Amino acid sequence: MSNIVAIAGSPSHPSRTYGLLEYANTVLQQNGLKIDVISVRDLPAEDLIFGRYDSPALQEPKALLEAADGVIIATPIYKAAYTGTLKAFLDLLPQKTLSNKVVLPIGTGGAITHALAVDYTLRPVLSELGARHILASVYIIDKQIQLNADAKIELDEESEQKLKDALNELAQAVNSQSASKELAHIN
C-alpha cells in the first residue's frame, strides 16, 4: 500500500494548516492511501535550533519520510516565507530525502499577495532535498478556512475544490508511481 507523509509546518495547534492536513487525510484515505503526520511543533526545539542531525527524536520522522511514496508539506506563510520551524526541520533531513517522491506543497496565509511565496521560498528547498515531482502548490487564504470549535476546518467551495483536485492528483501520481515500481520489480 502506498503511503503519504504530511509535514505540518505550523508552530501552533490547533491551526488552519493542521486542519488542512486532517482534511487531506480524509480525502486520501478514500483513495486507499495511508497518511502519517509529522508536526514540526512537536519535535524538540533544542534539536531544531542546535541542528542536531543525529537526534533520536528525529529518527522516526526521518524513517517515515524514507518510506513515503508521497509527501505533503503544509505551512502558514509569514512575512512572505514559510515558517522557521519548518525550515529548521527541513535543514536536518538527509540531502536526497525527497528523491523518488511526489510532493504537494500547501500554504495558508492572510492575503493573496503571498500566494507565490510557496513557489519562491519552499520549492527551491524541496528541489534541494531531491524532489523532482513537485505538484502545483495550493495556497488558501485564511478567510477561506473556518476553524470551528472542535478544531475541524470548513473550506469555502472554491478552496475545497482546489484542495480536493490537488489531493486527487497526488493520489493518482503516487498510485501510478507505485504501480511502475511494482512492474519494475516483476520484470
N, C-alpha and C. Protein backbone atom coordinates (compact mmCIF):
# COMPACT_ATOMS: atom_id res chain seq x y z
N MET A 1 0.83 -1.18 0.00
CA MET A 1 0.00 0.00 0.00
C MET A 1 0.88 1.25 0.00
N SER A 2 0.56 2.19 -0.84
CA SER A 2 1.29 3.46 -0.90
C SER A 2 0.98 4.27 0.34
N ASN A 3 1.94 5.05 0.76
CA ASN A 3 1.67 5.90 1.91
C ASN A 3 2.17 7.32 1.68
N ILE A 4 1.54 8.21 2.40
CA ILE A 4 1.83 9.63 2.30
C ILE A 4 2.28 10.12 3.67
N VAL A 5 3.28 10.96 3.70
CA VAL A 5 3.68 11.63 4.93
C VAL A 5 3.35 13.11 4.75
N ALA A 6 2.66 13.65 5.72
CA ALA A 6 2.32 15.06 5.71
C ALA A 6 3.13 15.76 6.79
N ILE A 7 3.77 16.84 6.42
CA ILE A 7 4.55 17.62 7.37
C ILE A 7 3.78 18.90 7.67
N ALA A 8 3.40 19.06 8.94
CA ALA A 8 2.69 20.26 9.38
C ALA A 8 3.72 21.27 9.87
N GLY A 9 3.85 22.38 9.16
CA GLY A 9 4.86 23.37 9.49
C GLY A 9 4.39 24.47 10.41
N SER A 10 3.17 24.36 10.92
CA SER A 10 2.65 25.42 11.79
C SER A 10 3.22 25.31 13.20
N PRO A 11 3.63 26.43 13.78
CA PRO A 11 4.14 26.39 15.15
C PRO A 11 3.02 26.36 16.20
N SER A 12 1.76 26.46 15.77
CA SER A 12 0.66 26.45 16.73
C SER A 12 -0.31 25.31 16.44
N HIS A 13 -1.06 24.95 17.48
CA HIS A 13 -2.08 23.91 17.33
C HIS A 13 -3.20 24.21 18.30
N PRO A 14 -4.44 24.20 17.88
CA PRO A 14 -4.89 23.90 16.54
C PRO A 14 -4.56 25.04 15.58
N SER A 15 -4.55 24.68 14.30
CA SER A 15 -4.26 25.69 13.28
C SER A 15 -5.01 25.35 12.00
N ARG A 16 -5.18 26.34 11.17
CA ARG A 16 -5.81 26.11 9.87
C ARG A 16 -4.96 25.14 9.04
N THR A 17 -3.67 25.32 9.11
CA THR A 17 -2.76 24.48 8.33
C THR A 17 -2.88 23.02 8.75
N TYR A 18 -2.88 22.75 10.04
CA TYR A 18 -3.03 21.38 10.52
C TYR A 18 -4.40 20.84 10.14
N GLY A 19 -5.41 21.68 10.21
CA GLY A 19 -6.76 21.29 9.80
C GLY A 19 -6.81 20.85 8.35
N LEU A 20 -6.05 21.53 7.49
CA LEU A 20 -5.99 21.13 6.08
C LEU A 20 -5.41 19.72 5.93
N LEU A 21 -4.44 19.38 6.78
CA LEU A 21 -3.86 18.04 6.72
C LEU A 21 -4.84 16.99 7.21
N GLU A 22 -5.63 17.31 8.21
CA GLU A 22 -6.67 16.38 8.65
C GLU A 22 -7.69 16.17 7.54
N TYR A 23 -8.04 17.24 6.85
CA TYR A 23 -8.95 17.14 5.70
C TYR A 23 -8.31 16.28 4.61
N ALA A 24 -7.03 16.51 4.35
CA ALA A 24 -6.31 15.73 3.35
C ALA A 24 -6.31 14.25 3.70
N ASN A 25 -6.16 13.95 4.96
CA ASN A 25 -6.18 12.56 5.41
C ASN A 25 -7.48 11.88 5.01
N THR A 26 -8.60 12.57 5.20
CA THR A 26 -9.91 12.02 4.84
C THR A 26 -9.99 11.75 3.34
N VAL A 27 -9.58 12.70 2.54
CA VAL A 27 -9.64 12.56 1.08
C VAL A 27 -8.71 11.44 0.62
N LEU A 28 -7.50 11.39 1.15
CA LEU A 28 -6.53 10.39 0.69
C LEU A 28 -6.91 8.98 1.13
N GLN A 29 -7.52 8.84 2.29
CA GLN A 29 -7.98 7.52 2.71
C GLN A 29 -9.04 6.99 1.77
N GLN A 30 -9.85 7.88 1.22
CA GLN A 30 -10.85 7.48 0.23
C GLN A 30 -10.19 6.97 -1.05
N ASN A 31 -8.95 7.37 -1.28
CA ASN A 31 -8.18 6.92 -2.43
C ASN A 31 -7.29 5.72 -2.08
N GLY A 32 -7.49 5.15 -0.90
CA GLY A 32 -6.74 3.97 -0.49
C GLY A 32 -5.33 4.25 -0.04
N LEU A 33 -5.05 5.47 0.38
CA LEU A 33 -3.70 5.83 0.81
C LEU A 33 -3.66 6.03 2.31
N LYS A 34 -2.57 5.60 2.89
CA LYS A 34 -2.32 5.78 4.32
C LYS A 34 -1.55 7.08 4.49
N ILE A 35 -1.89 7.84 5.53
CA ILE A 35 -1.20 9.11 5.76
C ILE A 35 -0.70 9.17 7.21
N ASP A 36 0.54 9.60 7.36
CA ASP A 36 1.14 9.87 8.66
C ASP A 36 1.47 11.35 8.71
N VAL A 37 1.27 11.97 9.87
CA VAL A 37 1.53 13.40 10.01
C VAL A 37 2.71 13.62 10.96
N ILE A 38 3.64 14.41 10.48
CA ILE A 38 4.75 14.89 11.31
C ILE A 38 4.46 16.36 11.60
N SER A 39 4.27 16.68 12.86
CA SER A 39 4.05 18.07 13.25
C SER A 39 5.36 18.61 13.80
N VAL A 40 5.97 19.53 13.07
CA VAL A 40 7.29 20.02 13.48
C VAL A 40 7.24 20.72 14.84
N ARG A 41 6.09 21.22 15.22
CA ARG A 41 5.98 21.88 16.53
C ARG A 41 6.14 20.90 17.68
N ASP A 42 5.95 19.60 17.40
CA ASP A 42 6.08 18.59 18.44
C ASP A 42 7.51 18.03 18.56
N LEU A 43 8.38 18.43 17.66
CA LEU A 43 9.77 17.97 17.73
C LEU A 43 10.51 18.82 18.76
N PRO A 44 11.53 18.26 19.40
CA PRO A 44 12.27 19.04 20.42
C PRO A 44 12.89 20.30 19.82
N ALA A 45 12.51 21.43 20.38
CA ALA A 45 13.01 22.72 19.88
C ALA A 45 14.53 22.79 19.91
N GLU A 46 15.14 22.22 20.95
CA GLU A 46 16.60 22.26 21.07
C GLU A 46 17.27 21.54 19.89
N ASP A 47 16.67 20.41 19.47
CA ASP A 47 17.23 19.67 18.34
C ASP A 47 17.16 20.49 17.06
N LEU A 48 16.05 21.19 16.87
CA LEU A 48 15.89 22.01 15.67
C LEU A 48 16.81 23.23 15.71
N ILE A 49 16.85 23.90 16.84
CA ILE A 49 17.64 25.13 16.97
C ILE A 49 19.14 24.86 16.85
N PHE A 50 19.59 23.78 17.50
CA PHE A 50 21.02 23.49 17.50
C PHE A 50 21.45 22.55 16.37
N GLY A 51 20.54 22.24 15.46
CA GLY A 51 20.89 21.44 14.29
C GLY A 51 21.40 20.05 14.63
N ARG A 52 20.74 19.37 15.51
CA ARG A 52 21.17 18.03 15.94
C ARG A 52 20.69 16.98 14.94
N TYR A 53 21.47 16.76 13.89
CA TYR A 53 21.15 15.81 12.83
C TYR A 53 20.93 14.40 13.38
N ASP A 54 21.68 14.05 14.42
CA ASP A 54 21.64 12.68 14.94
C ASP A 54 20.70 12.52 16.13
N SER A 55 19.81 13.46 16.34
CA SER A 55 18.88 13.39 17.47
C SER A 55 18.00 12.14 17.38
N PRO A 56 17.90 11.39 18.46
CA PRO A 56 17.00 10.23 18.48
C PRO A 56 15.54 10.62 18.19
N ALA A 57 15.14 11.82 18.56
CA ALA A 57 13.77 12.28 18.33
C ALA A 57 13.46 12.47 16.85
N LEU A 58 14.49 12.60 16.02
CA LEU A 58 14.28 12.80 14.58
C LEU A 58 14.33 11.49 13.79
N GLN A 59 14.68 10.40 14.44
CA GLN A 59 14.80 9.13 13.72
C GLN A 59 13.47 8.66 13.16
N GLU A 60 12.39 8.74 13.94
CA GLU A 60 11.09 8.30 13.45
C GLU A 60 10.59 9.16 12.29
N PRO A 61 10.62 10.50 12.41
CA PRO A 61 10.19 11.31 11.26
C PRO A 61 11.03 11.03 10.00
N LYS A 62 12.33 10.84 10.17
CA LYS A 62 13.18 10.55 9.01
C LYS A 62 12.81 9.20 8.39
N ALA A 63 12.52 8.21 9.23
CA ALA A 63 12.13 6.89 8.74
C ALA A 63 10.79 6.95 8.01
N LEU A 64 9.85 7.72 8.53
CA LEU A 64 8.57 7.88 7.86
C LEU A 64 8.76 8.48 6.47
N LEU A 65 9.60 9.51 6.39
CA LEU A 65 9.85 10.15 5.10
C LEU A 65 10.57 9.20 4.14
N GLU A 66 11.49 8.43 4.66
CA GLU A 66 12.22 7.45 3.83
C GLU A 66 11.26 6.47 3.17
N ALA A 67 10.25 6.02 3.93
CA ALA A 67 9.32 5.00 3.44
C ALA A 67 8.16 5.59 2.62
N ALA A 68 8.03 6.90 2.61
CA ALA A 68 6.89 7.53 1.94
C ALA A 68 7.00 7.46 0.43
N ASP A 69 5.83 7.37 -0.20
CA ASP A 69 5.73 7.47 -1.65
C ASP A 69 5.40 8.90 -2.07
N GLY A 70 4.72 9.60 -1.18
CA GLY A 70 4.34 10.98 -1.43
C GLY A 70 4.47 11.79 -0.16
N VAL A 71 4.67 13.09 -0.32
CA VAL A 71 4.84 13.98 0.82
C VAL A 71 4.01 15.24 0.59
N ILE A 72 3.26 15.60 1.62
CA ILE A 72 2.56 16.89 1.63
C ILE A 72 3.30 17.76 2.64
N ILE A 73 3.61 18.97 2.23
CA ILE A 73 4.25 19.91 3.15
C ILE A 73 3.32 21.11 3.25
N ALA A 74 2.74 21.30 4.44
CA ALA A 74 1.78 22.38 4.65
C ALA A 74 2.35 23.36 5.65
N THR A 75 2.27 24.62 5.31
CA THR A 75 2.85 25.66 6.16
C THR A 75 2.07 26.96 6.07
N PRO A 76 1.95 27.65 7.18
CA PRO A 76 1.46 29.02 7.07
C PRO A 76 2.57 29.88 6.46
N ILE A 77 2.16 30.93 5.81
CA ILE A 77 3.12 31.87 5.24
C ILE A 77 3.13 33.10 6.13
N TYR A 78 4.31 33.39 6.66
CA TYR A 78 4.51 34.57 7.50
C TYR A 78 5.56 35.45 6.82
N LYS A 79 5.23 36.71 6.63
CA LYS A 79 6.19 37.66 6.04
C LYS A 79 6.81 37.11 4.76
N ALA A 80 5.95 36.58 3.90
CA ALA A 80 6.31 36.12 2.56
C ALA A 80 7.21 34.88 2.54
N ALA A 81 7.20 34.08 3.60
CA ALA A 81 8.00 32.85 3.61
C ALA A 81 7.34 31.81 4.51
N TYR A 82 7.76 30.57 4.34
CA TYR A 82 7.26 29.50 5.21
C TYR A 82 7.89 29.64 6.59
N THR A 83 7.40 28.86 7.55
CA THR A 83 7.81 29.05 8.94
C THR A 83 9.25 28.65 9.21
N GLY A 84 9.85 29.30 10.16
CA GLY A 84 11.21 28.98 10.58
C GLY A 84 11.30 27.60 11.19
N THR A 85 10.24 27.18 11.86
CA THR A 85 10.21 25.84 12.46
C THR A 85 10.31 24.78 11.36
N LEU A 86 9.57 24.99 10.28
CA LEU A 86 9.63 24.05 9.16
C LEU A 86 11.03 24.08 8.54
N LYS A 87 11.60 25.25 8.35
CA LYS A 87 12.94 25.38 7.78
C LYS A 87 13.96 24.64 8.62
N ALA A 88 13.87 24.79 9.95
CA ALA A 88 14.83 24.11 10.84
C ALA A 88 14.73 22.60 10.68
N PHE A 89 13.51 22.08 10.54
CA PHE A 89 13.33 20.64 10.35
C PHE A 89 13.88 20.19 8.99
N LEU A 90 13.52 20.90 7.94
CA LEU A 90 13.99 20.52 6.60
C LEU A 90 15.52 20.54 6.52
N ASP A 91 16.14 21.46 7.22
CA ASP A 91 17.60 21.54 7.23
C ASP A 91 18.25 20.31 7.85
N LEU A 92 17.53 19.58 8.68
CA LEU A 92 18.08 18.41 9.36
C LEU A 92 17.85 17.10 8.59
N LEU A 93 17.17 17.18 7.46
CA LEU A 93 16.91 15.97 6.68
C LEU A 93 18.10 15.63 5.78
N PRO A 94 18.32 14.35 5.53
CA PRO A 94 19.39 13.96 4.59
C PRO A 94 19.17 14.59 3.21
N GLN A 95 20.25 14.80 2.51
CA GLN A 95 20.28 15.53 1.24
C GLN A 95 19.20 15.12 0.23
N LYS A 96 18.99 13.86 0.01
CA LYS A 96 18.05 13.42 -1.03
C LYS A 96 16.79 12.77 -0.46
N THR A 97 16.35 13.27 0.68
CA THR A 97 15.17 12.72 1.36
C THR A 97 13.94 12.64 0.46
N LEU A 98 13.76 13.59 -0.43
CA LEU A 98 12.55 13.63 -1.24
C LEU A 98 12.71 13.02 -2.63
N SER A 99 13.83 12.36 -2.87
CA SER A 99 14.04 11.69 -4.16
C SER A 99 12.98 10.61 -4.36
N ASN A 100 12.49 10.51 -5.57
CA ASN A 100 11.50 9.50 -5.95
C ASN A 100 10.19 9.60 -5.18
N LYS A 101 9.86 10.80 -4.75
CA LYS A 101 8.60 11.02 -4.05
C LYS A 101 7.81 12.11 -4.77
N VAL A 102 6.50 11.97 -4.74
CA VAL A 102 5.63 13.01 -5.27
C VAL A 102 5.38 13.98 -4.12
N VAL A 103 5.56 15.27 -4.37
CA VAL A 103 5.47 16.27 -3.31
C VAL A 103 4.39 17.30 -3.64
N LEU A 104 3.54 17.54 -2.64
CA LEU A 104 2.49 18.56 -2.77
C LEU A 104 2.71 19.64 -1.71
N PRO A 105 3.13 20.85 -2.12
CA PRO A 105 3.26 21.95 -1.16
C PRO A 105 1.92 22.68 -0.99
N ILE A 106 1.58 22.97 0.27
CA ILE A 106 0.35 23.70 0.59
C ILE A 106 0.71 24.86 1.51
N GLY A 107 0.19 26.02 1.18
CA GLY A 107 0.42 27.19 2.03
C GLY A 107 -0.88 27.84 2.43
N THR A 108 -0.88 28.44 3.61
CA THR A 108 -2.01 29.24 4.06
C THR A 108 -1.48 30.61 4.45
N GLY A 109 -2.29 31.60 4.28
CA GLY A 109 -1.83 32.94 4.64
C GLY A 109 -2.95 33.94 4.70
N GLY A 110 -2.62 35.10 5.20
CA GLY A 110 -3.61 36.14 5.42
C GLY A 110 -4.03 36.91 4.19
N ALA A 111 -3.22 36.88 3.13
CA ALA A 111 -3.54 37.70 1.96
C ALA A 111 -3.11 37.01 0.67
N ILE A 112 -3.80 37.30 -0.38
CA ILE A 112 -3.50 36.73 -1.70
C ILE A 112 -2.11 37.18 -2.18
N THR A 113 -1.62 38.28 -1.65
CA THR A 113 -0.31 38.81 -2.07
C THR A 113 0.84 37.83 -1.78
N HIS A 114 0.59 36.85 -0.91
CA HIS A 114 1.64 35.87 -0.60
C HIS A 114 1.43 34.53 -1.32
N ALA A 115 0.56 34.52 -2.30
CA ALA A 115 0.22 33.27 -2.99
C ALA A 115 1.43 32.61 -3.64
N LEU A 116 2.38 33.37 -4.10
CA LEU A 116 3.55 32.79 -4.76
C LEU A 116 4.69 32.48 -3.80
N ALA A 117 4.51 32.79 -2.53
CA ALA A 117 5.58 32.56 -1.55
C ALA A 117 5.98 31.09 -1.47
N VAL A 118 5.01 30.20 -1.61
CA VAL A 118 5.33 28.77 -1.55
C VAL A 118 6.27 28.41 -2.70
N ASP A 119 5.97 28.91 -3.89
CA ASP A 119 6.80 28.58 -5.05
C ASP A 119 8.18 29.24 -4.99
N TYR A 120 8.25 30.44 -4.46
CA TYR A 120 9.53 31.15 -4.46
C TYR A 120 10.41 30.84 -3.25
N THR A 121 9.81 30.41 -2.14
CA THR A 121 10.62 30.16 -0.96
C THR A 121 10.76 28.67 -0.63
N LEU A 122 9.68 27.90 -0.77
CA LEU A 122 9.71 26.50 -0.37
C LEU A 122 10.16 25.57 -1.50
N ARG A 123 9.69 25.81 -2.69
CA ARG A 123 10.01 24.92 -3.82
C ARG A 123 11.52 24.73 -4.03
N PRO A 124 12.36 25.76 -3.94
CA PRO A 124 13.81 25.53 -4.10
C PRO A 124 14.39 24.60 -3.04
N VAL A 125 13.90 24.69 -1.81
CA VAL A 125 14.39 23.81 -0.75
C VAL A 125 13.95 22.37 -1.03
N LEU A 126 12.72 22.20 -1.50
CA LEU A 126 12.24 20.86 -1.84
C LEU A 126 13.09 20.25 -2.96
N SER A 127 13.43 21.06 -3.92
CA SER A 127 14.31 20.59 -5.01
C SER A 127 15.68 20.20 -4.47
N GLU A 128 16.20 20.98 -3.57
CA GLU A 128 17.50 20.69 -2.97
C GLU A 128 17.47 19.37 -2.19
N LEU A 129 16.30 19.02 -1.68
CA LEU A 129 16.14 17.76 -0.97
C LEU A 129 15.84 16.59 -1.91
N GLY A 130 15.96 16.83 -3.20
CA GLY A 130 15.84 15.75 -4.18
C GLY A 130 14.50 15.62 -4.85
N ALA A 131 13.53 16.46 -4.50
CA ALA A 131 12.21 16.36 -5.11
C ALA A 131 12.27 16.75 -6.58
N ARG A 132 11.78 15.87 -7.43
CA ARG A 132 11.73 16.17 -8.86
C ARG A 132 10.30 16.19 -9.37
N HIS A 133 9.40 15.56 -8.62
CA HIS A 133 7.99 15.54 -9.00
C HIS A 133 7.21 16.36 -7.97
N ILE A 134 7.27 17.68 -8.16
CA ILE A 134 6.58 18.60 -7.25
C ILE A 134 5.32 19.09 -7.96
N LEU A 135 4.18 18.80 -7.37
CA LEU A 135 2.91 19.21 -7.94
C LEU A 135 2.72 20.72 -7.77
N ALA A 136 1.77 21.27 -8.53
CA ALA A 136 1.44 22.68 -8.37
C ALA A 136 1.00 22.95 -6.94
N SER A 137 1.54 24.00 -6.36
CA SER A 137 1.22 24.30 -4.96
C SER A 137 -0.22 24.78 -4.81
N VAL A 138 -0.73 24.60 -3.62
CA VAL A 138 -2.06 25.08 -3.25
C VAL A 138 -1.87 26.15 -2.20
N TYR A 139 -2.50 27.29 -2.41
CA TYR A 139 -2.44 28.38 -1.44
C TYR A 139 -3.88 28.78 -1.10
N ILE A 140 -4.18 28.80 0.19
CA ILE A 140 -5.53 29.13 0.63
C ILE A 140 -5.45 30.27 1.64
N ILE A 141 -6.25 31.28 1.41
CA ILE A 141 -6.28 32.45 2.29
C ILE A 141 -7.04 32.10 3.57
N ASP A 142 -6.57 32.61 4.68
CA ASP A 142 -7.17 32.31 5.99
C ASP A 142 -8.68 32.51 6.01
N LYS A 143 -9.17 33.56 5.37
CA LYS A 143 -10.61 33.82 5.43
C LYS A 143 -11.41 32.76 4.66
N GLN A 144 -10.75 31.93 3.87
CA GLN A 144 -11.42 30.84 3.15
C GLN A 144 -11.47 29.56 3.98
N ILE A 145 -10.86 29.60 5.16
CA ILE A 145 -10.81 28.44 6.05
C ILE A 145 -11.40 28.84 7.40
N GLN A 146 -12.46 28.18 7.77
CA GLN A 146 -13.04 28.43 9.09
C GLN A 146 -12.63 27.30 10.02
N LEU A 147 -12.07 27.63 11.15
CA LEU A 147 -11.68 26.65 12.16
C LEU A 147 -12.78 26.67 13.22
N ASN A 148 -13.56 25.57 13.29
CA ASN A 148 -14.67 25.57 14.23
C ASN A 148 -14.22 25.16 15.63
N ALA A 149 -15.15 25.11 16.57
CA ALA A 149 -14.84 24.89 17.98
C ALA A 149 -14.10 23.58 18.25
N ASP A 150 -14.36 22.54 17.46
CA ASP A 150 -13.67 21.26 17.68
C ASP A 150 -12.42 21.12 16.80
N ALA A 151 -11.89 22.26 16.34
CA ALA A 151 -10.64 22.34 15.57
C ALA A 151 -10.74 21.68 14.21
N LYS A 152 -11.94 21.48 13.70
CA LYS A 152 -12.14 20.97 12.33
C LYS A 152 -12.30 22.18 11.42
N ILE A 153 -11.87 22.00 10.18
CA ILE A 153 -11.97 23.13 9.25
C ILE A 153 -13.18 23.00 8.35
N GLU A 154 -13.63 24.14 7.89
CA GLU A 154 -14.64 24.24 6.86
C GLU A 154 -14.07 25.18 5.81
N LEU A 155 -14.04 24.70 4.58
CA LEU A 155 -13.47 25.49 3.49
C LEU A 155 -14.58 26.10 2.65
N ASP A 156 -14.29 27.25 2.05
CA ASP A 156 -15.25 27.76 1.08
C ASP A 156 -15.22 26.83 -0.13
N GLU A 157 -16.22 26.90 -0.95
CA GLU A 157 -16.40 25.95 -2.05
C GLU A 157 -15.22 25.93 -3.02
N GLU A 158 -14.72 27.09 -3.39
CA GLU A 158 -13.60 27.18 -4.33
C GLU A 158 -12.33 26.54 -3.77
N SER A 159 -12.02 26.85 -2.52
CA SER A 159 -10.82 26.30 -1.89
C SER A 159 -10.93 24.80 -1.69
N GLU A 160 -12.12 24.34 -1.31
CA GLU A 160 -12.32 22.91 -1.12
C GLU A 160 -12.09 22.15 -2.43
N GLN A 161 -12.62 22.69 -3.52
CA GLN A 161 -12.44 22.03 -4.82
C GLN A 161 -10.97 22.05 -5.25
N LYS A 162 -10.32 23.18 -5.03
CA LYS A 162 -8.90 23.30 -5.38
C LYS A 162 -8.06 22.28 -4.60
N LEU A 163 -8.33 22.15 -3.31
CA LEU A 163 -7.59 21.22 -2.49
C LEU A 163 -7.90 19.77 -2.87
N LYS A 164 -9.17 19.46 -3.09
CA LYS A 164 -9.55 18.10 -3.50
C LYS A 164 -8.87 17.72 -4.81
N ASP A 165 -8.86 18.64 -5.75
CA ASP A 165 -8.22 18.36 -7.05
C ASP A 165 -6.74 18.06 -6.86
N ALA A 166 -6.06 18.85 -6.04
CA ALA A 166 -4.63 18.64 -5.79
C ALA A 166 -4.39 17.31 -5.08
N LEU A 167 -5.23 16.98 -4.12
CA LEU A 167 -5.07 15.72 -3.40
C LEU A 167 -5.35 14.52 -4.30
N ASN A 168 -6.34 14.65 -5.17
CA ASN A 168 -6.62 13.56 -6.11
C ASN A 168 -5.47 13.40 -7.11
N GLU A 169 -4.87 14.52 -7.53
CA GLU A 169 -3.70 14.45 -8.40
C GLU A 169 -2.54 13.77 -7.69
N LEU A 170 -2.35 14.10 -6.41
CA LEU A 170 -1.31 13.46 -5.61
C LEU A 170 -1.56 11.95 -5.53
N ALA A 171 -2.78 11.57 -5.20
CA ALA A 171 -3.12 10.15 -5.09
C ALA A 171 -2.88 9.42 -6.40
N GLN A 172 -3.30 10.02 -7.49
CA GLN A 172 -3.10 9.40 -8.81
C GLN A 172 -1.62 9.26 -9.14
N ALA A 173 -0.82 10.29 -8.87
CA ALA A 173 0.61 10.24 -9.16
C ALA A 173 1.31 9.20 -8.30
N VAL A 174 0.96 9.14 -7.01
CA VAL A 174 1.58 8.18 -6.10
C VAL A 174 1.20 6.76 -6.50
N ASN A 175 -0.08 6.54 -6.79
CA ASN A 175 -0.51 5.19 -7.20
C ASN A 175 0.13 4.77 -8.51
N SER A 176 0.26 5.70 -9.44
CA SER A 176 0.90 5.40 -10.72
C SER A 176 2.38 5.08 -10.52
N GLN A 177 3.04 5.85 -9.69
CA GLN A 177 4.46 5.63 -9.40
C GLN A 177 4.65 4.28 -8.72
N SER A 178 3.77 3.94 -7.78
CA SER A 178 3.86 2.65 -7.08
C SER A 178 3.64 1.49 -8.05
N ALA A 179 2.69 1.65 -8.96
CA ALA A 179 2.44 0.60 -9.95
C ALA A 179 3.64 0.39 -10.85
N SER A 180 4.31 1.49 -11.22
CA SER A 180 5.51 1.39 -12.05
C SER A 180 6.62 0.68 -11.30
N LYS A 181 6.79 0.97 -10.02
CA LYS A 181 7.80 0.30 -9.22
C LYS A 181 7.52 -1.20 -9.11
N GLU A 182 6.26 -1.55 -8.93
CA GLU A 182 5.89 -2.97 -8.83
C GLU A 182 6.18 -3.70 -10.13
N LEU A 183 5.87 -3.06 -11.26
CA LEU A 183 6.16 -3.68 -12.55
C LEU A 183 7.66 -3.85 -12.75
N ALA A 184 8.42 -2.88 -12.31
CA ALA A 184 9.88 -2.96 -12.45
C ALA A 184 10.44 -4.13 -11.62
N HIS A 185 9.84 -4.37 -10.45
CA HIS A 185 10.30 -5.47 -9.61
C HIS A 185 9.91 -6.83 -10.20
N ILE A 186 8.79 -6.88 -10.89
CA ILE A 186 8.34 -8.14 -11.51
C ILE A 186 9.24 -8.50 -12.69
N ASN A 187 9.59 -7.49 -13.48
CA ASN A 187 10.43 -7.73 -14.66
C ASN A 187 11.85 -7.86 -14.21
